[in-house]
C-alpha atoms as a PDB file:
ATOM      1  CA  UNK A   1      -0.019  27.416  44.840  1.00  0.00           C
ATOM      2  CA  UNK A   2       1.117  30.924  45.696  1.00  0.00           C
ATOM      3  CA  UNK A   3      -1.613  33.528  45.954  1.00  0.00           C
ATOM      4  CA  UNK A   4      -1.407  36.718  43.937  1.00  0.00           C
ATOM      5  CA  UNK A   5      -1.139  39.883  45.963  1.00  0.00           C
ATOM      6  CA  UNK A   6      -3.579  42.611  44.879  1.00  0.00           C
ATOM      7  CA  UNK A   7      -2.143  45.885  46.108  1.00  0.00           C
ATOM      8  CA  UNK A   8      -5.300  47.634  44.899  1.00  0.00           C
ATOM      9  CA  UNK A   9      -7.209  45.984  47.727  1.00  0.00           C
ATOM     10  CA  UNK A  10      -5.118  47.892  50.263  1.00  0.00           C
ATOM     11  CA  UNK A  11      -6.381  51.117  48.745  1.00  0.00           C
ATOM     12  CA  UNK A  12      -9.928  49.777  48.739  1.00  0.00           C
ATOM     13  CA  UNK A  13      -9.578  48.900  52.417  1.00  0.00           C
ATOM     14  CA  UNK A  14      -8.406  52.445  53.084  1.00  0.00           C
ATOM     15  CA  UNK A  15     -11.456  53.837  51.281  1.00  0.00           C
ATOM     16  CA  UNK A  16     -13.720  51.642  53.417  1.00  0.00           C
ATOM     17  CA  UNK A  17     -12.003  52.862  56.592  1.00  0.00           C
ATOM     18  CA  UNK A  18     -12.426  56.512  55.563  1.00  0.00           C
ATOM     19  CA  UNK A  19     -16.108  55.897  54.827  1.00  0.00           C
ATOM     20  CA  UNK A  20     -16.688  54.466  58.304  1.00  0.00           C
ATOM     21  CA  UNK A  21     -14.728  57.284  59.957  1.00  0.00           C
ATOM     22  CA  UNK A  22     -16.710  59.894  58.038  1.00  0.00           C
ATOM     23  CA  UNK A  23     -19.956  58.280  59.206  1.00  0.00           C
ATOM     24  CA  UNK A  24     -18.927  58.231  62.871  1.00  0.00           C
ATOM     25  CA  UNK A  25     -17.362  61.695  62.977  1.00  0.00           C
ATOM     26  CA  UNK A  26     -20.330  63.524  61.483  1.00  0.00           C
ATOM     27  CA  UNK A  27     -22.378  65.415  64.109  1.00  0.00           C
ATOM     28  CA  UNK A  28     -25.710  63.857  65.045  1.00  0.00           C
ATOM     29  CA  UNK A  29     -27.159  66.948  66.671  1.00  0.00           C
ATOM     30  CA  UNK A  30     -27.734  70.571  65.695  1.00  0.00           C
ATOM     31  CA  UNK A  31     -27.429  69.557  62.058  1.00  0.00           C
ATOM     32  CA  UNK A  32     -29.845  72.303  60.994  1.00  0.00           C
ATOM     33  CA  UNK A  33     -27.455  75.062  62.037  1.00  0.00           C
ATOM     34  CA  UNK A  34     -25.760  75.084  58.657  1.00  0.00           C
ATOM     35  CA  UNK A  35     -27.032  73.756  55.287  1.00  0.00           C
ATOM     36  CA  UNK A  36     -23.548  72.418  54.573  1.00  0.00           C
ATOM     37  CA  UNK A  37     -23.403  70.511  57.855  1.00  0.00           C
ATOM     38  CA  UNK A  38     -26.925  69.231  57.239  1.00  0.00           C
ATOM     39  CA  UNK A  39     -25.921  67.979  53.788  1.00  0.00           C
ATOM     40  CA  UNK A  40     -22.731  66.344  55.058  1.00  0.00           C
ATOM     41  CA  UNK A  41     -24.747  64.597  57.750  1.00  0.00           C
ATOM     42  CA  UNK A  42     -27.110  63.185  55.137  1.00  0.00           C
ATOM     43  CA  UNK A  43     -24.253  62.040  52.917  1.00  0.00           C
ATOM     44  CA  UNK A  44     -22.344  60.640  55.891  1.00  0.00           C
ATOM     45  CA  UNK A  45     -25.028  58.012  56.438  1.00  0.00           C
ATOM     46  CA  UNK A  46     -23.692  56.174  53.398  1.00  0.00           C
ATOM     47  CA  UNK A  47     -20.351  55.863  55.154  1.00  0.00           C
ATOM     48  CA  UNK A  48     -21.645  52.917  57.149  1.00  0.00           C
ATOM     49  CA  UNK A  49     -21.639  50.868  53.953  1.00  0.00           C
ATOM     50  CA  UNK A  50     -17.865  50.848  54.349  1.00  0.00           C
ATOM     51  CA  UNK A  51     -18.411  48.067  56.889  1.00  0.00           C
ATOM     52  CA  UNK A  52     -20.129  45.987  54.209  1.00  0.00           C
ATOM     53  CA  UNK A  53     -17.171  46.623  51.928  1.00  0.00           C
ATOM     54  CA  UNK A  54     -14.880  45.364  54.694  1.00  0.00           C
ATOM     55  CA  UNK A  55     -16.952  42.177  54.906  1.00  0.00           C
ATOM     56  CA  UNK A  56     -16.693  41.586  51.161  1.00  0.00           C
ATOM     57  CA  UNK A  57     -12.926  42.052  51.320  1.00  0.00           C
ATOM     58  CA  UNK A  58     -12.688  39.724  54.307  1.00  0.00           C
ATOM     59  CA  UNK A  59     -14.786  37.068  52.578  1.00  0.00           C
ATOM     60  CA  UNK A  60     -12.525  37.251  49.529  1.00  0.00           C
ATOM     61  CA  UNK A  61      -9.172  37.240  51.332  1.00  0.00           C
ATOM     62  CA  UNK A  62     -10.033  34.523  53.845  1.00  0.00           C
ATOM     63  CA  UNK A  63     -11.754  32.221  51.368  1.00  0.00           C
ATOM     64  CA  UNK A  64      -8.878  32.297  48.894  1.00  0.00           C
ATOM     65  CA  UNK A  65      -6.528  31.284  51.726  1.00  0.00           C
ATOM     66  CA  UNK A  66      -8.818  28.434  52.752  1.00  0.00           C
ATOM     67  CA  UNK A  67      -9.298  27.155  49.203  1.00  0.00           C
ATOM     68  CA  UNK A  68      -5.571  27.346  48.570  1.00  0.00           C
ATOM     69  CA  UNK A  69      -4.753  25.438  51.772  1.00  0.00           C
ATOM     70  CA  UNK A  70      -7.588  22.913  51.638  1.00  0.00           C
ATOM     71  CA  UNK A  71      -5.273  20.009  50.836  1.00  0.00           C
ATOM     72  CA  UNK A  72      -2.846  20.925  53.625  1.00  0.00           C
ATOM     73  CA  UNK A  73      -2.815  18.362  56.443  1.00  0.00           C
ATOM     74  CA  UNK A  74      -2.564  21.219  58.977  1.00  0.00           C
ATOM     75  CA  UNK A  75      -5.419  23.161  57.385  1.00  0.00           C
ATOM     76  CA  UNK A  76      -7.355  23.850  60.600  1.00  0.00           C
ATOM     77  CA  UNK A  77      -4.382  24.297  62.901  1.00  0.00           C
ATOM     78  CA  UNK A  78      -2.614  26.783  60.655  1.00  0.00           C
ATOM     79  CA  UNK A  79      -5.715  28.875  60.044  1.00  0.00           C
ATOM     80  CA  UNK A  80      -7.024  29.099  63.596  1.00  0.00           C
ATOM     81  CA  UNK A  81      -3.634  29.729  65.174  1.00  0.00           C
ATOM     82  CA  UNK A  82      -2.819  32.520  62.709  1.00  0.00           C
ATOM     83  CA  UNK A  83      -6.220  34.155  63.201  1.00  0.00           C
ATOM     84  CA  UNK A  84      -5.955  33.923  66.988  1.00  0.00           C
ATOM     85  CA  UNK A  85      -2.471  35.447  67.072  1.00  0.00           C
ATOM     86  CA  UNK A  86      -3.531  38.253  64.751  1.00  0.00           C
ATOM     87  CA  UNK A  87      -6.818  39.168  66.455  1.00  0.00           C
ATOM     88  CA  UNK A  88      -6.984  38.126  70.100  1.00  0.00           C
ATOM     89  CA  UNK A  89      -4.050  40.129  71.574  1.00  0.00           C
ATOM     90  CA  UNK A  90      -5.218  43.554  70.364  1.00  0.00           C
ATOM     91  CA  UNK A  91      -8.907  42.742  70.806  1.00  0.00           C
ATOM     92  CA  UNK A  92      -8.604  41.691  74.440  1.00  0.00           C
ATOM     93  CA  UNK A  93      -6.070  44.425  75.173  1.00  0.00           C
ATOM     94  CA  UNK A  94      -8.714  46.899  74.010  1.00  0.00           C
ATOM     95  CA  UNK A  95     -11.262  45.333  76.349  1.00  0.00           C
ATOM     96  CA  UNK A  96      -8.846  45.418  79.281  1.00  0.00           C
ATOM     97  CA  UNK A  97      -8.275  49.127  78.678  1.00  0.00           C
ATOM     98  CA  UNK A  98     -12.001  49.785  78.326  1.00  0.00           C
ATOM     99  CA  UNK A  99     -13.190  47.755  81.334  1.00  0.00           C
ATOM    100  CA  UNK A 100     -10.257  47.917  83.753  1.00  0.00           C
ATOM    101  CA  UNK A 101      -8.090  50.958  83.063  1.00  0.00           C
ATOM    102  CA  UNK A 102     -10.546  53.625  81.902  1.00  0.00           C
ATOM    103  CA  UNK A 103     -12.900  53.026  84.897  1.00  0.00           C
ATOM    104  CA  UNK A 104      -9.994  53.810  87.220  1.00  0.00           C
ATOM    105  CA  UNK A 105      -9.548  57.163  85.499  1.00  0.00           C
ATOM    106  CA  UNK A 106     -13.191  58.236  85.341  1.00  0.00           C
ATOM    107  CA  UNK A 107     -14.350  56.415  88.492  1.00  0.00           C
ATOM    108  CA  UNK A 108     -16.801  54.140  86.719  1.00  0.00           C
ATOM    109  CA  UNK A 109     -17.407  50.428  87.334  1.00  0.00           C
ATOM    110  CA  UNK A 110     -19.153  48.604  84.455  1.00  0.00           C
ATOM    111  CA  UNK A 111     -21.263  45.577  85.311  1.00  0.00           C
ATOM    112  CA  UNK A 112     -19.538  42.251  84.600  1.00  0.00           C
ATOM    113  CA  UNK A 113     -22.814  40.965  83.164  1.00  0.00           C
ATOM    114  CA  UNK A 114     -23.058  43.793  80.645  1.00  0.00           C
ATOM    115  CA  UNK A 115     -19.453  43.245  79.552  1.00  0.00           C
ATOM    116  CA  UNK A 116     -19.725  39.450  79.150  1.00  0.00           C
ATOM    117  CA  UNK A 117     -20.979  39.576  75.513  1.00  0.00           C
ATOM    118  CA  UNK A 118     -17.842  41.447  74.479  1.00  0.00           C
ATOM    119  CA  UNK A 119     -15.513  38.890  76.019  1.00  0.00           C
ATOM    120  CA  UNK A 120     -17.450  36.122  74.252  1.00  0.00           C
ATOM    121  CA  UNK A 121     -17.812  37.809  70.829  1.00  0.00           C
ATOM    122  CA  UNK A 122     -21.611  37.893  70.936  1.00  0.00           C
ATOM    123  CA  UNK A 123     -22.126  41.651  71.368  1.00  0.00           C
ATOM    124  CA  UNK A 124     -23.679  41.954  67.916  1.00  0.00           C
ATOM    125  CA  UNK A 125     -26.366  39.468  68.984  1.00  0.00           C
ATOM    126  CA  UNK A 126     -27.212  41.391  72.152  1.00  0.00           C
ATOM    127  CA  UNK A 127     -27.321  44.632  70.150  1.00  0.00           C
ATOM    128  CA  UNK A 128     -29.709  43.093  67.633  1.00  0.00           C
ATOM    129  CA  UNK A 129     -32.157  41.724  70.196  1.00  0.00           C
ATOM    130  CA  UNK A 130     -31.808  44.724  72.532  1.00  0.00           C
ATOM    131  CA  UNK A 131     -30.282  42.728  75.384  1.00  0.00           C
ATOM    132  CA  UNK A 132     -28.481  45.107  77.790  1.00  0.00           C
ATOM    133  CA  UNK A 133     -24.717  45.192  77.270  1.00  0.00           C
ATOM    134  CA  UNK A 134     -21.994  47.771  77.637  1.00  0.00           C
ATOM    135  CA  UNK A 135     -18.761  47.994  75.699  1.00  0.00           C
ATOM    136  CA  UNK A 136     -17.007  49.524  72.679  1.00  0.00           C
ATOM    137  CA  UNK A 137     -19.868  49.810  70.215  1.00  0.00           C
ATOM    138  CA  UNK A 138     -17.700  49.523  67.116  1.00  0.00           C
ATOM    139  CA  UNK A 139     -16.586  46.049  68.238  1.00  0.00           C
ATOM    140  CA  UNK A 140     -19.780  44.507  66.845  1.00  0.00           C
ATOM    141  CA  UNK A 141     -18.175  44.006  63.431  1.00  0.00           C
ATOM    142  CA  UNK A 142     -15.320  42.087  65.049  1.00  0.00           C
ATOM    143  CA  UNK A 143     -17.885  39.671  66.466  1.00  0.00           C
ATOM    144  CA  UNK A 144     -19.252  39.091  62.956  1.00  0.00           C
ATOM    145  CA  UNK A 145     -15.747  38.483  61.647  1.00  0.00           C
ATOM    146  CA  UNK A 146     -15.001  36.045  64.455  1.00  0.00           C
ATOM    147  CA  UNK A 147     -18.158  34.041  63.728  1.00  0.00           C
ATOM    148  CA  UNK A 148     -17.057  33.907  60.094  1.00  0.00           C
ATOM    149  CA  UNK A 149     -13.565  32.724  61.053  1.00  0.00           C
ATOM    150  CA  UNK A 150     -15.012  30.065  63.335  1.00  0.00           C
ATOM    151  CA  UNK A 151     -17.455  28.353  60.982  1.00  0.00           C
ATOM    152  CA  UNK A 152     -16.402  29.177  57.429  1.00  0.00           C
ATOM    153  CA  UNK A 153     -13.234  26.997  57.448  1.00  0.00           C
ATOM    154  CA  UNK A 154     -15.401  24.015  58.394  1.00  0.00           C
ATOM    155  CA  UNK A 155     -17.803  24.591  55.511  1.00  0.00           C
ATOM    156  CA  UNK A 156     -15.026  25.150  52.979  1.00  0.00           C
ATOM    157  CA  UNK A 157     -13.215  22.004  54.108  1.00  0.00           C
ATOM    158  CA  UNK A 158     -16.182  19.651  53.964  1.00  0.00           C
ATOM    159  CA  UNK A 159     -17.924  21.074  50.884  1.00  0.00           C
ATOM    160  CA  UNK A 160     -16.556  20.097  47.474  1.00  0.00           C
ATOM    161  CA  UNK A 161     -14.986  23.044  45.682  1.00  0.00           C
ATOM    162  CA  UNK A 162     -17.355  22.639  42.739  1.00  0.00           C
ATOM    163  CA  UNK A 163     -20.324  22.986  45.121  1.00  0.00           C
ATOM    164  CA  UNK A 164     -19.045  26.150  46.794  1.00  0.00           C
ATOM    165  CA  UNK A 165     -21.120  28.507  44.569  1.00  0.00           C
ATOM    166  CA  UNK A 166     -24.285  26.634  45.576  1.00  0.00           C
ATOM    167  CA  UNK A 167     -23.344  27.036  49.235  1.00  0.00           C
ATOM    168  CA  UNK A 168     -22.737  30.752  48.711  1.00  0.00           C
ATOM    169  CA  UNK A 169     -26.041  31.179  46.886  1.00  0.00           C
ATOM    170  CA  UNK A 170     -27.801  29.486  49.797  1.00  0.00           C
ATOM    171  CA  UNK A 171     -26.103  31.843  52.256  1.00  0.00           C
ATOM    172  CA  UNK A 172     -27.174  34.917  50.280  1.00  0.00           C
ATOM    173  CA  UNK A 173     -30.784  33.710  50.196  1.00  0.00           C
ATOM    174  CA  UNK A 174     -30.669  32.837  53.906  1.00  0.00           C
ATOM    175  CA  UNK A 175     -29.379  36.343  54.720  1.00  0.00           C
ATOM    176  CA  UNK A 176     -32.251  37.931  52.810  1.00  0.00           C
ATOM    177  CA  UNK A 177     -34.784  35.718  54.587  1.00  0.00           C
ATOM    178  CA  UNK A 178     -33.186  36.530  57.937  1.00  0.00           C
ATOM    179  CA  UNK A 179     -33.443  40.263  57.266  1.00  0.00           C
ATOM    180  CA  UNK A 180     -37.113  39.921  56.375  1.00  0.00           C
ATOM    181  CA  UNK A 181     -37.803  37.996  59.598  1.00  0.00           C
ATOM    182  CA  UNK A 182     -35.945  40.514  61.744  1.00  0.00           C
ATOM    183  CA  UNK A 183     -37.834  43.400  60.188  1.00  0.00           C
ATOM    184  CA  UNK A 184     -41.126  41.573  60.660  1.00  0.00           C
ATOM    185  CA  UNK A 185     -40.474  41.080  64.368  1.00  0.00           C
ATOM    186  CA  UNK A 186     -39.237  44.636  64.839  1.00  0.00           C
ATOM    187  CA  UNK A 187     -35.485  44.075  65.168  1.00  0.00           C
ATOM    188  CA  UNK A 188     -32.589  45.754  63.401  1.00  0.00           C
ATOM    189  CA  UNK A 189     -30.768  43.973  60.598  1.00  0.00           C
ATOM    190  CA  UNK A 190     -27.394  45.731  60.538  1.00  0.00           C
ATOM    191  CA  UNK A 191     -25.568  43.925  63.354  1.00  0.00           C
ATOM    192  CA  UNK A 192     -26.782  40.324  63.289  1.00  0.00           C
ATOM    193  CA  UNK A 193     -24.347  37.840  61.755  1.00  0.00           C
ATOM    194  CA  UNK A 194     -26.922  35.856  59.781  1.00  0.00           C
ATOM    195  CA  UNK A 195     -28.577  38.942  58.311  1.00  0.00           C
ATOM    196  CA  UNK A 196     -25.381  40.458  56.898  1.00  0.00           C
ATOM    197  CA  UNK A 197     -23.432  37.347  55.932  1.00  0.00           C
ATOM    198  CA  UNK A 198     -24.258  37.860  52.258  1.00  0.00           C
ATOM    199  CA  UNK A 199     -21.441  40.431  52.056  1.00  0.00           C
ATOM    200  CA  UNK A 200     -18.953  37.844  53.280  1.00  0.00           C
ATOM    201  CA  UNK A 201     -20.467  35.290  50.897  1.00  0.00           C
ATOM    202  CA  UNK A 202     -20.101  37.574  47.862  1.00  0.00           C
ATOM    203  CA  UNK A 203     -16.445  38.082  48.714  1.00  0.00           C
ATOM    204  CA  UNK A 204     -16.082  34.304  49.028  1.00  0.00           C
ATOM    205  CA  UNK A 205     -17.604  33.858  45.570  1.00  0.00           C
ATOM    206  CA  UNK A 206     -14.972  36.187  44.093  1.00  0.00           C
ATOM    207  CA  UNK A 207     -12.276  34.082  45.764  1.00  0.00           C
ATOM    208  CA  UNK A 208     -13.773  30.876  44.358  1.00  0.00           C
ATOM    209  CA  UNK A 209     -13.887  32.432  40.911  1.00  0.00           C
ATOM    210  CA  UNK A 210     -10.250  33.514  41.144  1.00  0.00           C
ATOM    211  CA  UNK A 211      -9.150  29.981  42.032  1.00  0.00           C
ATOM    212  CA  UNK A 212     -11.262  28.448  39.270  1.00  0.00           C
ATOM    213  CA  UNK A 213     -10.959  31.145  36.617  1.00  0.00           C
ATOM    214  CA  UNK A 214      -9.381  28.704  34.136  1.00  0.00           C
ATOM    215  CA  UNK A 215     -12.855  27.209  33.733  1.00  0.00           C
ATOM    216  CA  UNK A 216     -14.246  30.508  32.465  1.00  0.00           C
ATOM    217  CA  UNK A 217     -13.494  32.851  29.605  1.00  0.00           C
ATOM    218  CA  UNK A 218     -13.623  36.149  31.444  1.00  0.00           C
ATOM    219  CA  UNK A 219     -10.479  37.090  33.345  1.00  0.00           C
ATOM    220  CA  UNK A 220     -10.667  37.648  37.092  1.00  0.00           C
ATOM    221  CA  UNK A 221      -9.105  41.102  36.791  1.00  0.00           C
ATOM    222  CA  UNK A 222     -11.952  42.071  34.475  1.00  0.00           C
ATOM    223  CA  UNK A 223     -14.490  41.008  37.088  1.00  0.00           C
ATOM    224  CA  UNK A 224     -12.744  43.200  39.690  1.00  0.00           C
ATOM    225  CA  UNK A 225     -12.677  46.027  37.146  1.00  0.00           C
ATOM    226  CA  UNK A 226     -16.421  45.739  36.478  1.00  0.00           C
ATOM    227  CA  UNK A 227     -17.223  45.511  40.205  1.00  0.00           C
ATOM    228  CA  UNK A 228     -15.335  48.744  40.802  1.00  0.00           C
ATOM    229  CA  UNK A 229     -17.518  50.414  38.179  1.00  0.00           C
ATOM    230  CA  UNK A 230     -14.514  52.003  36.455  1.00  0.00           C
ATOM    231  CA  UNK A 231     -14.421  53.134  32.830  1.00  0.00           C
ATOM    232  CA  UNK A 232     -11.159  53.393  30.888  1.00  0.00           C
ATOM    233  CA  UNK A 233     -10.209  53.318  27.239  1.00  0.00           C
ATOM    234  CA  UNK A 234      -8.083  50.185  27.388  1.00  0.00           C
ATOM    235  CA  UNK A 235      -9.467  47.534  24.975  1.00  0.00           C
ATOM    236  CA  UNK A 236      -6.953  44.945  26.153  1.00  0.00           C
ATOM    237  CA  UNK A 237      -8.783  44.688  29.481  1.00  0.00           C
ATOM    238  CA  UNK A 238     -11.684  43.023  27.669  1.00  0.00           C
ATOM    239  CA  UNK A 239      -9.677  40.282  26.013  1.00  0.00           C
ATOM    240  CA  UNK A 240     -11.073  36.802  26.430  1.00  0.00           C
ATOM    241  CA  UNK A 241      -9.055  34.021  27.956  1.00  0.00           C
ATOM    242  CA  UNK A 242      -8.745  30.818  25.997  1.00  0.00           C
ATOM    243  CA  UNK A 243      -9.939  27.616  27.647  1.00  0.00           C
END
């Protein structure tokens, strides 16, 4: 089955990227100099939710591919090879530049022990539990994505499609419990894979619904419309689909 291409998601991805950029580019010092700068700094904090939006998009796009290819005999090989070719070259090139080339320019030698988490995609874990590490700080979200790519295909393959919503519900509950435990023990909740996997799970649920929308009355496009919170005077959007 061919998958429908939603060009609107490209625009949504761009919005998420702008939100993250706005958050990172806002000044974090001398914000009281100007009321406008102070206000923009306060508003800019919400820009970090663009990362969560990225996770929802990733959960949707990856899960629909996995569900569509579940019956393929090369299910695992095709997925992992494509992900590796798309991610590893640029990711490790960035690390080579950061750890090997930049130190030659600024005369700085990072510790191999502090860089190890970044080579192994566990930097978000060290950040959460305050284990010393040194690397590109924004790479933490790539570690979360890589954990998702590693384990989610296994779960999708071995769980019956009809049971996928139950799996997703369990993941959402587990993420909430994990956040509560991290807060209780005094750790942050924003970087750890298990505390933020509910965003990926919600995206996966949308993908499951798209694949199985013939079992429901409400059209998938209407669900996307409602999630976006838009309001238009187009009654045809609310038509019901016959079973």
